[in-house]
Amino acid sequence: MRFVPALAAIALAAAPAAAALAPGAKAPDFTTRGAIAGKVFTVHLADQLKKGPVVLYFFPAAFTGGCNAEAHAFAEAIDQFKAAGATVIGMSADDIPTLQRFSQEKCAGKFAVASAGPKVVAGYDVDLHHVVNGNNATRRTSYVIGQDGRIKYVHDDLNADHHVELTLAAVKNLHGG
């Protein structure tokens, strides 16, 4: 696709001021529980980074309109992320049983979703300061984290429309397109 280099340039130039972790910052390491295709497992960021870059995307709450659409879009693009060497992990403050269902129904079992506790939410500065479905919701913020553990790209926008295309462009740009 011819638009990918242009999108990558736009993506890497746009680091919103609202996000606490700017490109170049060290991504806070964490260990939490997550689910893929309904199966629960432990998610450790440092272990995931050994495989390549990580797209860590925070979403407000499972089973809400924008979050369902965003999960579907990531699931549809997962082969492209894998081809670029990246792992996608969705993060929200939802509990594990909710994320187990969400990973099957909305993520189509194609990537992991994990529970972001208060320490992770604070470390990535993604507290929305709003309760959804009984949980403190997170901002819709997508981070591309390089294998070196540093933030390479940030997209902070409650509108779910461009998170997938912009993070994919940023991942592809890590390898020169």
Protein backbone atom coordinates (compact mmCIF):
# COMPACT_ATOMS: atom_id res chain seq x y z
CA MET A 1 0.00 0.00 0.00
CA ARG A 2 1.34 3.39 -0.97
CA PHE A 3 -0.23 5.32 1.91
CA VAL A 4 1.62 3.41 4.66
CA PRO A 5 4.84 5.52 4.60
CA ALA A 6 2.79 8.72 4.72
CA LEU A 7 0.62 7.34 7.52
CA ALA A 8 3.72 6.23 9.41
CA ALA A 9 5.19 9.72 9.15
CA ILE A 10 1.95 11.24 10.42
CA ALA A 11 1.67 8.63 13.16
CA LEU A 12 5.18 9.16 14.47
CA ALA A 13 4.88 12.94 14.35
CA ALA A 14 1.65 12.98 16.35
CA ALA A 15 2.23 12.33 20.04
CA PRO A 16 -0.68 13.89 21.89
CA ALA A 17 0.15 16.15 24.82
CA ALA A 18 -2.48 14.48 27.03
CA ALA A 19 -0.52 11.21 27.27
CA ALA A 20 1.93 11.07 30.15
CA LEU A 21 4.32 8.70 28.45
CA ALA A 22 5.89 10.40 25.48
CA PRO A 23 7.95 8.66 22.82
CA GLY A 24 11.35 7.83 24.28
CA ALA A 25 10.03 7.20 27.80
CA LYS A 26 10.63 3.81 29.43
CA ALA A 27 7.42 1.74 29.44
CA PRO A 28 6.54 0.60 32.97
CA ASP A 29 6.93 -3.18 33.24
CA PHE A 30 4.01 -5.11 34.71
CA THR A 31 2.70 -8.59 35.34
CA THR A 32 -1.06 -9.17 35.33
CA ARG A 33 -3.65 -11.70 34.29
CA GLY A 34 -5.18 -11.76 30.86
CA ALA A 35 -7.12 -13.96 28.49
CA ILE A 36 -6.91 -15.06 24.89
CA ALA A 37 -9.73 -17.06 23.32
CA GLY A 38 -11.21 -17.32 26.83
CA LYS A 39 -8.13 -18.98 28.35
CA VAL A 40 -6.57 -17.17 31.33
CA PHE A 41 -2.80 -16.70 31.48
CA THR A 42 -0.18 -14.42 33.00
CA VAL A 43 0.89 -11.40 30.96
CA HIS A 44 4.36 -10.01 31.68
CA LEU A 45 5.35 -7.08 29.47
CA ALA A 46 9.08 -7.86 29.61
CA ASP A 47 8.41 -11.41 28.35
CA GLN A 48 6.26 -10.12 25.50
CA LEU A 49 8.96 -7.62 24.47
CA LYS A 50 11.46 -10.47 24.04
CA LYS A 51 9.39 -11.51 21.00
CA GLY A 52 9.37 -8.03 19.42
CA PRO A 53 7.51 -4.73 19.72
CA VAL A 54 4.23 -4.60 21.65
CA VAL A 55 1.12 -2.61 20.84
CA LEU A 56 -0.41 -1.97 24.24
CA TYR A 57 -3.82 -0.48 23.73
CA PHE A 58 -5.94 0.66 26.65
CA PHE A 59 -9.71 0.75 26.18
CA PRO A 60 -12.38 2.11 28.55
CA ALA A 61 -14.55 -0.97 29.11
CA ALA A 62 -15.35 -4.29 27.48
CA PHE A 63 -18.71 -4.71 25.77
CA THR A 64 -19.22 -1.02 25.03
CA GLY A 65 -19.72 0.32 21.50
CA GLY A 66 -16.33 1.88 20.72
CA CYS A 67 -14.41 -0.85 22.54
CA ASN A 68 -16.23 -3.60 20.67
CA ALA A 69 -15.49 -1.90 17.34
CA GLU A 70 -11.83 -1.34 18.26
CA ALA A 71 -11.36 -4.97 19.35
CA HIS A 72 -12.92 -6.15 16.09
CA ALA A 73 -10.63 -3.85 14.08
CA PHE A 74 -7.52 -5.14 15.90
CA ALA A 75 -8.70 -8.74 15.33
CA GLU A 76 -9.16 -8.04 11.61
CA ALA A 77 -5.64 -6.55 11.36
CA ILE A 78 -3.84 -9.03 13.64
CA ASP A 79 -2.10 -10.85 10.76
CA GLN A 80 -0.59 -7.55 9.63
CA PHE A 81 0.68 -6.83 13.16
CA LYS A 82 2.17 -10.33 13.36
CA ALA A 83 3.80 -9.94 9.94
CA ALA A 84 5.45 -6.77 11.29
CA GLY A 85 6.68 -8.74 14.32
CA ALA A 86 4.38 -7.09 16.87
CA THR A 87 2.25 -8.49 19.67
CA VAL A 88 -1.08 -6.77 20.41
CA ILE A 89 -2.37 -6.64 23.98
CA GLY A 90 -5.61 -4.90 24.91
CA MET A 91 -5.82 -3.52 28.45
CA SER A 92 -8.77 -2.37 30.54
CA ALA A 93 -9.76 -2.27 34.21
CA ASP A 94 -12.33 -5.00 33.61
CA ASP A 95 -12.18 -8.19 35.69
CA ILE A 96 -10.86 -11.46 34.28
CA PRO A 97 -14.24 -13.20 33.77
CA THR A 98 -15.39 -10.21 31.68
CA LEU A 99 -12.14 -10.22 29.69
CA GLN A 100 -12.41 -13.98 29.10
CA ARG A 101 -15.78 -13.46 27.38
CA PHE A 102 -14.56 -10.32 25.58
CA SER A 103 -11.48 -12.15 24.25
CA GLN A 104 -13.72 -14.80 22.69
CA GLU A 105 -16.62 -12.69 21.50
CA LYS A 106 -15.13 -9.35 20.43
CA CYS A 107 -11.43 -10.16 19.89
CA ALA A 108 -12.29 -13.37 18.02
CA GLY A 109 -9.65 -15.19 20.09
CA LYS A 110 -6.91 -13.51 18.04
CA PHE A 111 -5.04 -11.47 20.67
CA ALA A 112 -4.78 -11.10 24.42
CA VAL A 113 -6.70 -8.72 26.63
CA ALA A 114 -5.46 -8.11 30.15
CA SER A 115 -6.65 -6.55 33.37
CA ALA A 116 -5.03 -3.21 34.18
CA GLY A 117 -4.89 -2.72 37.93
CA PRO A 118 -4.44 0.68 39.61
CA LYS A 119 -0.63 0.53 39.40
CA VAL A 120 -0.65 -0.13 35.63
CA VAL A 121 -3.33 2.53 35.06
CA ALA A 122 -1.27 5.09 37.01
CA GLY A 123 2.02 4.06 35.38
CA TYR A 124 0.62 4.58 31.89
CA ASP A 125 -1.49 7.60 32.94
CA VAL A 126 -4.69 6.21 31.45
CA ASP A 127 -7.24 6.82 34.23
CA LEU A 128 -10.38 8.18 32.58
CA HIS A 129 -11.74 9.27 36.00
CA HIS A 130 -15.06 7.70 35.08
CA VAL A 131 -16.79 4.49 36.18
CA VAL A 132 -18.19 2.17 33.48
CA ASN A 133 -19.89 -1.14 34.30
CA GLY A 134 -18.78 -0.77 37.94
CA ASN A 135 -15.08 -0.38 37.10
CA ASN A 136 -12.83 2.66 36.82
CA ALA A 137 -12.51 3.07 33.07
CA THR A 138 -9.24 3.71 31.28
CA ARG A 139 -8.59 6.26 28.56
CA ARG A 140 -8.42 4.97 25.00
CA THR A 141 -4.66 5.24 24.60
CA SER A 142 -2.53 3.11 22.32
CA TYR A 143 1.21 2.72 22.88
CA VAL A 144 3.72 1.13 20.53
CA ILE A 145 6.57 -0.13 22.70
CA GLY A 146 9.84 -1.04 21.03
CA GLN A 147 11.75 -4.18 21.89
CA ASP A 148 14.08 -1.94 23.93
CA GLY A 149 11.17 -1.20 26.30
CA ARG A 150 10.82 2.42 25.18
CA ILE A 151 7.66 4.09 23.96
CA LYS A 152 7.92 4.61 20.20
CA TYR A 153 4.45 6.00 19.49
CA VAL A 154 1.37 7.18 21.41
CA HIS A 155 -2.17 7.76 20.18
CA ASP A 156 -4.51 9.13 22.86
CA ASP A 157 -8.05 9.63 21.54
CA LEU A 158 -11.39 8.42 22.93
CA ASN A 159 -12.55 7.95 19.34
CA ALA A 160 -11.62 4.38 18.40
CA ASP A 161 -11.51 5.00 14.65
CA HIS A 162 -7.77 5.40 13.97
CA HIS A 163 -5.96 3.46 16.72
CA VAL A 164 -5.47 0.34 14.61
CA GLU A 165 -4.27 2.00 11.41
CA LEU A 166 -1.97 4.44 13.22
CA THR A 167 -0.38 1.86 15.52
CA LEU A 168 0.10 -0.53 12.58
CA ALA A 169 1.81 2.25 10.61
CA ALA A 170 4.04 3.03 13.61
CA VAL A 171 4.98 -0.65 14.00
CA LYS A 172 5.83 -0.93 10.30
CA ASN A 173 7.93 2.22 10.56
CA LEU A 174 10.05 0.61 13.29
CA HIS A 175 11.47 -1.62 10.56
CA GLY A 176 11.75 1.12 7.94
CA GLY A 177 8.32 0.60 6.36
